[in-house]
């Protein structure tokens, strides 16, 4: 069956929270100051009801296999949005799903009129960081905005 890309729905909350936490455990980055302990991770559909935000999910045979979105994080410069929660299940990696989710999120940022996309990550997520760089993201020396995810130590920006 084909992979379906669609916006998040309330029924996705539990599966997405489990997927995100599984990825954090897999890469041994399951620590405070990340989405792993962020209480909003358990009800993402509510979070993405915020204006000028969207969260895309990838679904195959009724199973959530990935997700990515954009969110207007407090404290970001005008015209800048944060790329958030790009995760794919281990079985879904290497198939271009993350790249499609990333592209859909960037297109959404452009649709909403943003001119920059910011992200926070970890050096352990080498494949994702490589994908970001190929997409045009550049490293920053310090974080932007107030995400509350103080454990992240890779910060990147894409000028659209």
N, C-alpha and C. Protein backbone atom coordinates (compact mmCIF):
# COMPACT_ATOMS: atom_id res chain seq x y z
N UNK A 1 0.83 -1.19 0.00
CA UNK A 1 0.00 0.00 0.00
C UNK A 1 0.88 1.25 0.00
N UNK A 2 0.40 2.31 -0.59
CA UNK A 2 1.15 3.55 -0.71
C UNK A 2 1.22 4.29 0.63
N UNK A 3 2.24 5.10 0.75
CA UNK A 3 2.38 5.96 1.93
C UNK A 3 1.50 7.18 1.74
N UNK A 4 0.75 7.50 2.77
CA UNK A 4 -0.13 8.67 2.76
C UNK A 4 0.53 9.76 3.60
N UNK A 5 0.60 10.96 3.05
CA UNK A 5 1.10 12.12 3.79
C UNK A 5 -0.10 13.02 4.04
N UNK A 6 -0.32 13.34 5.31
CA UNK A 6 -1.49 14.14 5.67
C UNK A 6 -1.19 14.93 6.93
N UNK A 7 -2.07 15.88 7.24
CA UNK A 7 -1.92 16.66 8.46
C UNK A 7 -2.34 15.82 9.66
N UNK A 8 -1.76 16.15 10.80
CA UNK A 8 -2.01 15.43 12.04
C UNK A 8 -3.49 15.48 12.44
N UNK A 9 -3.93 14.41 13.05
CA UNK A 9 -5.28 14.32 13.60
C UNK A 9 -5.16 13.84 15.05
N UNK A 10 -6.21 14.06 15.83
CA UNK A 10 -6.18 13.69 17.25
C UNK A 10 -5.86 12.20 17.44
N UNK A 11 -6.35 11.36 16.56
CA UNK A 11 -6.12 9.92 16.68
C UNK A 11 -4.64 9.53 16.53
N UNK A 12 -3.81 10.46 16.08
CA UNK A 12 -2.38 10.19 15.86
C UNK A 12 -1.54 10.42 17.11
N UNK A 13 -2.09 11.08 18.12
CA UNK A 13 -1.29 11.52 19.27
C UNK A 13 -0.50 10.40 19.93
N UNK A 14 -1.16 9.33 20.29
CA UNK A 14 -0.50 8.25 21.02
C UNK A 14 0.62 7.61 20.19
N UNK A 15 0.33 7.32 18.92
CA UNK A 15 1.32 6.68 18.05
C UNK A 15 2.52 7.60 17.81
N UNK A 16 2.26 8.89 17.62
CA UNK A 16 3.37 9.82 17.39
C UNK A 16 4.24 9.97 18.63
N UNK A 17 3.63 10.09 19.80
CA UNK A 17 4.41 10.19 21.03
C UNK A 17 5.29 8.96 21.21
N UNK A 18 4.72 7.79 20.94
CA UNK A 18 5.49 6.54 21.06
C UNK A 18 6.64 6.51 20.05
N UNK A 19 6.38 6.91 18.82
CA UNK A 19 7.41 6.93 17.78
C UNK A 19 8.56 7.87 18.19
N UNK A 20 8.21 9.08 18.61
CA UNK A 20 9.23 10.06 18.99
C UNK A 20 10.08 9.53 20.14
N UNK A 21 9.45 8.99 21.16
CA UNK A 21 10.21 8.51 22.32
C UNK A 21 11.05 7.28 21.96
N UNK A 22 10.57 6.44 21.07
CA UNK A 22 11.35 5.28 20.63
C UNK A 22 12.62 5.74 19.91
N UNK A 23 12.49 6.75 19.04
CA UNK A 23 13.67 7.26 18.34
C UNK A 23 14.67 7.84 19.34
N UNK A 24 14.19 8.58 20.32
CA UNK A 24 15.09 9.15 21.33
C UNK A 24 15.81 8.06 22.11
N UNK A 25 15.10 7.01 22.45
CA UNK A 25 15.74 5.89 23.16
C UNK A 25 16.75 5.19 22.26
N UNK A 26 16.39 4.99 21.02
CA UNK A 26 17.27 4.32 20.05
C UNK A 26 18.61 5.05 19.92
N UNK A 27 18.56 6.38 19.87
CA UNK A 27 19.78 7.17 19.71
C UNK A 27 20.38 7.63 21.04
N UNK A 28 19.81 7.14 22.14
CA UNK A 28 20.30 7.43 23.49
C UNK A 28 20.35 8.94 23.78
N UNK A 29 19.30 9.64 23.33
CA UNK A 29 19.18 11.08 23.60
C UNK A 29 17.90 11.34 24.41
N UNK A 30 17.43 10.31 25.10
CA UNK A 30 16.21 10.40 25.91
C UNK A 30 16.54 11.04 27.26
N UNK A 31 16.59 12.37 27.26
CA UNK A 31 16.99 13.10 28.46
C UNK A 31 16.14 14.35 28.64
N UNK A 32 16.17 14.91 29.84
CA UNK A 32 15.45 16.16 30.08
C UNK A 32 15.92 17.27 29.15
N UNK A 33 15.02 18.20 28.87
CA UNK A 33 15.37 19.31 27.99
C UNK A 33 15.18 18.98 26.53
N UNK A 34 14.43 17.92 26.25
CA UNK A 34 14.13 17.50 24.87
C UNK A 34 12.63 17.23 24.76
N UNK A 35 12.19 16.93 23.54
CA UNK A 35 10.78 16.56 23.37
C UNK A 35 10.46 15.25 24.08
N UNK A 36 11.49 14.50 24.43
CA UNK A 36 11.27 13.23 25.14
C UNK A 36 10.51 13.45 26.45
N UNK A 37 10.85 14.51 27.16
CA UNK A 37 10.18 14.80 28.44
C UNK A 37 9.17 15.95 28.33
N UNK A 38 9.04 16.54 27.16
CA UNK A 38 8.12 17.65 26.96
C UNK A 38 6.69 17.11 27.00
N UNK A 39 5.84 17.62 27.91
CA UNK A 39 4.47 17.10 28.02
C UNK A 39 3.63 17.33 26.77
N UNK A 40 4.00 18.28 25.93
CA UNK A 40 3.21 18.52 24.71
C UNK A 40 3.36 17.36 23.71
N UNK A 41 4.39 16.55 23.87
CA UNK A 41 4.61 15.42 22.96
C UNK A 41 3.41 14.46 22.98
N UNK A 42 2.68 14.42 24.07
CA UNK A 42 1.55 13.49 24.18
C UNK A 42 0.26 14.00 23.55
N UNK A 43 0.22 15.26 23.15
CA UNK A 43 -0.99 15.79 22.51
C UNK A 43 -0.63 16.78 21.40
N UNK A 44 0.14 16.28 20.45
CA UNK A 44 0.63 17.13 19.37
C UNK A 44 -0.49 17.70 18.51
N UNK A 45 -1.58 16.99 18.35
CA UNK A 45 -2.66 17.51 17.51
C UNK A 45 -3.19 18.83 18.08
N UNK A 46 -3.19 18.98 19.39
CA UNK A 46 -3.62 20.23 20.03
C UNK A 46 -2.59 21.33 19.78
N UNK A 47 -1.32 20.99 19.92
CA UNK A 47 -0.24 21.96 19.73
C UNK A 47 -0.31 22.57 18.33
N UNK A 48 -0.58 21.74 17.34
CA UNK A 48 -0.55 22.20 15.95
C UNK A 48 -1.88 22.78 15.47
N UNK A 49 -2.74 23.14 16.41
CA UNK A 49 -3.91 23.96 16.09
C UNK A 49 -3.53 25.43 16.12
N UNK A 50 -2.31 25.72 16.57
CA UNK A 50 -1.79 27.08 16.61
C UNK A 50 -1.73 27.65 15.19
N UNK A 51 -2.13 28.89 15.04
CA UNK A 51 -2.09 29.55 13.72
C UNK A 51 -0.66 29.51 13.16
N UNK A 52 -0.57 29.40 11.85
CA UNK A 52 0.71 29.42 11.14
C UNK A 52 1.60 28.23 11.48
N UNK A 53 0.98 27.11 11.89
CA UNK A 53 1.73 25.89 12.18
C UNK A 53 1.05 24.73 11.46
N UNK A 54 1.81 23.67 11.26
CA UNK A 54 1.27 22.45 10.66
C UNK A 54 2.18 21.29 11.02
N UNK A 55 1.60 20.11 11.17
CA UNK A 55 2.40 18.91 11.39
C UNK A 55 1.94 17.85 10.40
N UNK A 56 2.89 17.35 9.63
CA UNK A 56 2.64 16.33 8.62
C UNK A 56 2.97 14.95 9.19
N UNK A 57 2.14 13.98 8.90
CA UNK A 57 2.43 12.60 9.27
C UNK A 57 2.52 11.75 8.01
N UNK A 58 3.35 10.72 8.10
CA UNK A 58 3.44 9.71 7.05
C UNK A 58 2.80 8.45 7.61
N UNK A 59 1.86 7.90 6.87
CA UNK A 59 1.12 6.73 7.33
C UNK A 59 1.17 5.65 6.25
N UNK A 60 1.43 4.43 6.69
CA UNK A 60 1.45 3.30 5.77
C UNK A 60 0.66 2.15 6.39
N UNK A 61 -0.32 1.67 5.66
CA UNK A 61 -1.18 0.58 6.15
C UNK A 61 -1.76 0.89 7.53
N UNK A 62 -2.16 2.14 7.73
CA UNK A 62 -2.77 2.54 8.99
C UNK A 62 -1.80 2.80 10.12
N UNK A 63 -0.50 2.68 9.88
CA UNK A 63 0.51 2.87 10.92
C UNK A 63 1.28 4.17 10.66
N UNK A 64 1.46 4.96 11.72
CA UNK A 64 2.25 6.19 11.62
C UNK A 64 3.72 5.79 11.58
N UNK A 65 4.40 6.20 10.50
CA UNK A 65 5.81 5.83 10.34
C UNK A 65 6.74 7.05 10.35
N UNK A 66 6.14 8.24 10.44
CA UNK A 66 6.98 9.44 10.49
C UNK A 66 6.15 10.69 10.66
N UNK A 67 6.85 11.77 10.95
CA UNK A 67 6.19 13.06 11.10
C UNK A 67 7.19 14.19 11.10
N UNK A 68 6.70 15.39 10.77
CA UNK A 68 7.52 16.60 10.77
C UNK A 68 6.58 17.79 10.64
N UNK A 69 6.98 18.90 11.25
CA UNK A 69 6.14 20.09 11.14
C UNK A 69 6.90 21.37 11.31
N UNK A 70 6.13 22.46 11.28
CA UNK A 70 6.66 23.79 11.56
C UNK A 70 5.81 24.42 12.65
N UNK A 71 6.48 25.22 13.49
CA UNK A 71 5.79 25.83 14.61
C UNK A 71 6.39 27.21 14.89
N UNK A 72 5.56 28.23 15.10
CA UNK A 72 6.07 29.58 15.38
C UNK A 72 6.52 29.72 16.83
N UNK A 73 7.65 29.16 17.14
CA UNK A 73 8.20 29.14 18.50
C UNK A 73 8.41 30.56 19.03
N UNK A 74 8.06 30.76 20.29
CA UNK A 74 8.25 32.05 20.95
C UNK A 74 9.70 32.49 20.86
N UNK A 75 9.89 33.76 20.62
CA UNK A 75 11.23 34.34 20.65
C UNK A 75 11.99 34.28 19.34
N UNK A 76 11.44 33.63 18.33
CA UNK A 76 12.13 33.61 17.03
C UNK A 76 11.98 34.97 16.36
N UNK A 77 12.94 35.34 15.52
CA UNK A 77 12.83 36.61 14.79
C UNK A 77 11.57 36.62 13.89
N UNK A 78 11.10 37.81 13.58
CA UNK A 78 9.97 37.93 12.66
C UNK A 78 10.28 37.21 11.36
N UNK A 79 9.31 36.50 10.84
CA UNK A 79 9.48 35.80 9.57
C UNK A 79 10.17 34.45 9.69
N UNK A 80 10.46 34.01 10.92
CA UNK A 80 11.16 32.75 11.14
C UNK A 80 10.24 31.77 11.86
N UNK A 81 10.28 30.52 11.44
CA UNK A 81 9.49 29.46 12.05
C UNK A 81 10.43 28.30 12.39
N UNK A 82 10.05 27.50 13.37
CA UNK A 82 10.89 26.36 13.73
C UNK A 82 10.41 25.09 13.05
N UNK A 83 11.35 24.34 12.48
CA UNK A 83 11.08 22.99 11.99
C UNK A 83 11.14 22.08 13.21
N UNK A 84 10.09 21.32 13.43
CA UNK A 84 10.00 20.55 14.66
C UNK A 84 9.65 19.09 14.42
N UNK A 85 10.19 18.25 15.28
CA UNK A 85 9.79 16.86 15.42
C UNK A 85 9.80 16.07 14.11
N UNK A 86 10.96 16.10 13.42
CA UNK A 86 11.14 15.26 12.24
C UNK A 86 11.68 13.92 12.70
N UNK A 87 10.82 12.92 12.66
CA UNK A 87 11.20 11.57 13.08
C UNK A 87 10.57 10.56 12.16
N UNK A 88 11.30 9.48 11.89
CA UNK A 88 10.74 8.34 11.16
C UNK A 88 11.09 7.07 11.92
N UNK A 89 10.24 6.09 11.78
CA UNK A 89 10.51 4.81 12.43
C UNK A 89 11.74 4.18 11.79
N UNK A 90 12.40 3.29 12.51
CA UNK A 90 13.60 2.62 11.99
C UNK A 90 13.31 1.93 10.66
N UNK A 91 12.16 1.29 10.55
CA UNK A 91 11.80 0.56 9.32
C UNK A 91 11.55 1.50 8.14
N UNK A 92 11.23 2.75 8.43
CA UNK A 92 10.91 3.71 7.36
C UNK A 92 12.14 4.48 6.86
N UNK A 93 13.24 4.38 7.57
CA UNK A 93 14.42 5.16 7.20
C UNK A 93 15.06 4.66 5.92
N UNK A 94 15.67 5.60 5.21
CA UNK A 94 16.38 5.25 3.98
C UNK A 94 15.47 5.11 2.77
N UNK A 95 14.22 5.51 2.91
CA UNK A 95 13.24 5.38 1.82
C UNK A 95 12.78 6.73 1.30
N UNK A 96 13.38 7.81 1.78
CA UNK A 96 13.01 9.15 1.32
C UNK A 96 11.81 9.75 2.04
N UNK A 97 11.30 9.06 3.04
CA UNK A 97 10.11 9.54 3.76
C UNK A 97 10.43 10.80 4.55
N UNK A 98 11.54 10.80 5.25
CA UNK A 98 11.95 11.99 6.00
C UNK A 98 12.16 13.18 5.09
N UNK A 99 12.73 12.95 3.94
CA UNK A 99 12.97 14.03 2.98
C UNK A 99 11.65 14.61 2.49
N UNK A 100 10.67 13.77 2.23
CA UNK A 100 9.36 14.25 1.79
C UNK A 100 8.69 15.04 2.90
N UNK A 101 8.76 14.55 4.14
CA UNK A 101 8.18 15.28 5.27
C UNK A 101 8.86 16.63 5.46
N UNK A 102 10.18 16.66 5.33
CA UNK A 102 10.94 17.91 5.43
C UNK A 102 10.48 18.87 4.34
N UNK A 103 10.36 18.39 3.11
CA UNK A 103 9.97 19.25 2.00
C UNK A 103 8.56 19.79 2.18
N UNK A 104 7.64 18.95 2.65
CA UNK A 104 6.27 19.41 2.90
C UNK A 104 6.26 20.50 3.96
N UNK A 105 7.09 20.36 4.98
CA UNK A 105 7.16 21.36 6.04
C UNK A 105 7.74 22.68 5.52
N UNK A 106 8.78 22.60 4.70
CA UNK A 106 9.36 23.81 4.11
C UNK A 106 8.35 24.49 3.19
N UNK A 107 7.64 23.71 2.39
CA UNK A 107 6.60 24.28 1.52
C UNK A 107 5.51 24.95 2.35
N UNK A 108 5.16 24.37 3.49
CA UNK A 108 4.16 24.97 4.37
C UNK A 108 4.67 26.29 4.93
N UNK A 109 5.96 26.33 5.30
CA UNK A 109 6.55 27.57 5.80
C UNK A 109 6.46 28.67 4.74
N UNK A 110 6.76 28.32 3.50
CA UNK A 110 6.66 29.28 2.41
C UNK A 110 5.21 29.72 2.21
N UNK A 111 4.29 28.78 2.27
CA UNK A 111 2.86 29.08 2.11
C UNK A 111 2.39 30.09 3.17
N UNK A 112 2.88 29.94 4.39
CA UNK A 112 2.49 30.84 5.48
C UNK A 112 3.24 32.17 5.43
N UNK A 113 4.20 32.30 4.52
CA UNK A 113 4.93 33.56 4.35
C UNK A 113 6.19 33.70 5.18
N UNK A 114 6.66 32.61 5.76
CA UNK A 114 7.93 32.67 6.50
C UNK A 114 9.09 32.79 5.51
N UNK A 115 10.18 33.42 5.94
CA UNK A 115 11.35 33.51 5.07
C UNK A 115 12.58 32.82 5.64
N UNK A 116 12.44 32.26 6.85
CA UNK A 116 13.52 31.48 7.46
C UNK A 116 12.92 30.30 8.22
N UNK A 117 13.66 29.20 8.23
CA UNK A 117 13.27 28.02 9.01
C UNK A 117 14.45 27.65 9.90
N UNK A 118 14.18 27.57 11.19
CA UNK A 118 15.18 27.27 12.21
C UNK A 118 14.94 25.86 12.74
N UNK A 119 15.99 25.18 13.16
CA UNK A 119 15.82 23.88 13.80
C UNK A 119 16.86 23.66 14.87
N UNK A 120 16.53 22.75 15.79
CA UNK A 120 17.44 22.31 16.84
C UNK A 120 17.56 20.79 16.74
N UNK A 121 18.77 20.28 16.98
CA UNK A 121 18.98 18.84 16.87
C UNK A 121 20.13 18.41 17.77
N UNK A 122 20.61 17.20 17.50
CA UNK A 122 21.73 16.60 18.24
C UNK A 122 22.75 16.08 17.24
N UNK A 123 24.05 16.14 17.58
CA UNK A 123 25.07 15.62 16.68
C UNK A 123 24.91 14.13 16.41
N UNK A 124 24.27 13.40 17.32
CA UNK A 124 24.06 11.95 17.16
C UNK A 124 23.16 11.63 15.96
N UNK A 125 22.34 12.59 15.55
CA UNK A 125 21.40 12.36 14.45
C UNK A 125 22.06 12.74 13.13
N UNK A 126 23.13 12.04 12.80
CA UNK A 126 23.98 12.40 11.67
C UNK A 126 23.25 12.35 10.33
N UNK A 127 22.39 11.37 10.13
CA UNK A 127 21.68 11.26 8.86
C UNK A 127 20.75 12.46 8.67
N UNK A 128 20.04 12.83 9.72
CA UNK A 128 19.14 13.98 9.64
C UNK A 128 19.94 15.26 9.39
N UNK A 129 21.04 15.44 10.10
CA UNK A 129 21.84 16.65 9.92
C UNK A 129 22.39 16.73 8.50
N UNK A 130 22.80 15.61 7.96
CA UNK A 130 23.27 15.58 6.58
C UNK A 130 22.14 15.99 5.62
N UNK A 131 20.94 15.50 5.87
CA UNK A 131 19.79 15.85 5.03
C UNK A 131 19.50 17.35 5.14
N UNK A 132 19.58 17.90 6.35
CA UNK A 132 19.34 19.33 6.53
C UNK A 132 20.36 20.14 5.72
N UNK A 133 21.63 19.75 5.82
CA UNK A 133 22.68 20.48 5.10
C UNK A 133 22.46 20.40 3.59
N UNK A 134 22.08 19.24 3.08
CA UNK A 134 21.81 19.09 1.64
C UNK A 134 20.62 19.95 1.20
N UNK A 135 19.72 20.22 2.13
CA UNK A 135 18.55 21.04 1.84
C UNK A 135 18.89 22.53 1.88
N UNK A 136 20.04 22.88 2.46
CA UNK A 136 20.47 24.27 2.50
C UNK A 136 20.55 24.88 3.89
N UNK A 137 20.25 24.11 4.93
CA UNK A 137 20.40 24.62 6.30
C UNK A 137 21.87 24.86 6.60
N UNK A 138 22.14 25.95 7.32
CA UNK A 138 23.50 26.30 7.74
C UNK A 138 23.57 26.27 9.26
N UNK A 139 24.71 25.85 9.79
CA UNK A 139 24.90 25.80 11.24
C UNK A 139 24.93 27.20 11.84
N UNK A 140 24.38 27.30 13.04
CA UNK A 140 24.44 28.51 13.85
C UNK A 140 25.31 28.23 15.06
N UNK A 141 25.85 29.28 15.67
CA UNK A 141 26.71 29.09 16.84
C UNK A 141 25.95 29.14 18.15
N UNK A 142 24.66 29.51 18.10
CA UNK A 142 23.85 29.60 19.32
C UNK A 142 22.38 29.40 18.94
N UNK A 143 21.56 29.05 19.92
CA UNK A 143 20.14 28.83 19.63
C UNK A 143 19.38 30.13 19.40
N UNK A 144 18.25 30.01 18.71
CA UNK A 144 17.30 31.11 18.53
C UNK A 144 16.01 30.73 19.26
N UNK A 145 15.25 31.72 19.65
CA UNK A 145 13.94 31.45 20.23
C UNK A 145 13.98 30.79 21.59
N UNK A 146 12.79 30.41 22.04
CA UNK A 146 12.61 29.84 23.38
C UNK A 146 11.90 28.50 23.31
N UNK A 147 12.51 27.52 22.69
CA UNK A 147 11.88 26.21 22.53
C UNK A 147 11.75 25.47 23.86
N UNK A 148 12.64 25.78 24.80
CA UNK A 148 12.66 25.06 26.07
C UNK A 148 13.45 23.77 26.01
N UNK A 149 13.98 23.45 24.84
CA UNK A 149 14.74 22.20 24.66
C UNK A 149 16.23 22.50 24.81
N UNK A 150 16.60 22.77 26.04
CA UNK A 150 17.96 23.22 26.34
C UNK A 150 19.03 22.16 26.11
N UNK A 151 18.66 20.90 25.98
CA UNK A 151 19.65 19.84 25.77
C UNK A 151 20.15 19.78 24.32
N UNK A 152 19.40 20.35 23.40
CA UNK A 152 19.82 20.34 21.99
C UNK A 152 21.06 21.22 21.84
N UNK A 153 22.01 20.76 21.04
CA UNK A 153 23.23 21.53 20.88
C UNK A 153 23.67 21.68 19.42
N UNK A 154 22.75 21.41 18.50
CA UNK A 154 22.96 21.70 17.09
C UNK A 154 21.82 22.64 16.70
N UNK A 155 22.20 23.79 16.13
CA UNK A 155 21.21 24.79 15.72
C UNK A 155 21.49 25.13 14.26
N UNK A 156 20.43 25.17 13.45
CA UNK A 156 20.60 25.40 12.02
C UNK A 156 19.51 26.34 11.51
N UNK A 157 19.80 27.02 10.40
CA UNK A 157 18.87 27.96 9.80
C UNK A 157 18.87 27.81 8.30
N UNK A 158 17.68 27.84 7.73
CA UNK A 158 17.49 27.82 6.27
C UNK A 158 16.84 29.13 5.88
N UNK A 159 17.46 29.86 4.97
CA UNK A 159 16.86 31.07 4.41
C UNK A 159 16.10 30.65 3.16
N UNK A 160 14.81 30.97 3.14
CA UNK A 160 13.96 30.54 2.01
C UNK A 160 14.05 31.53 0.84
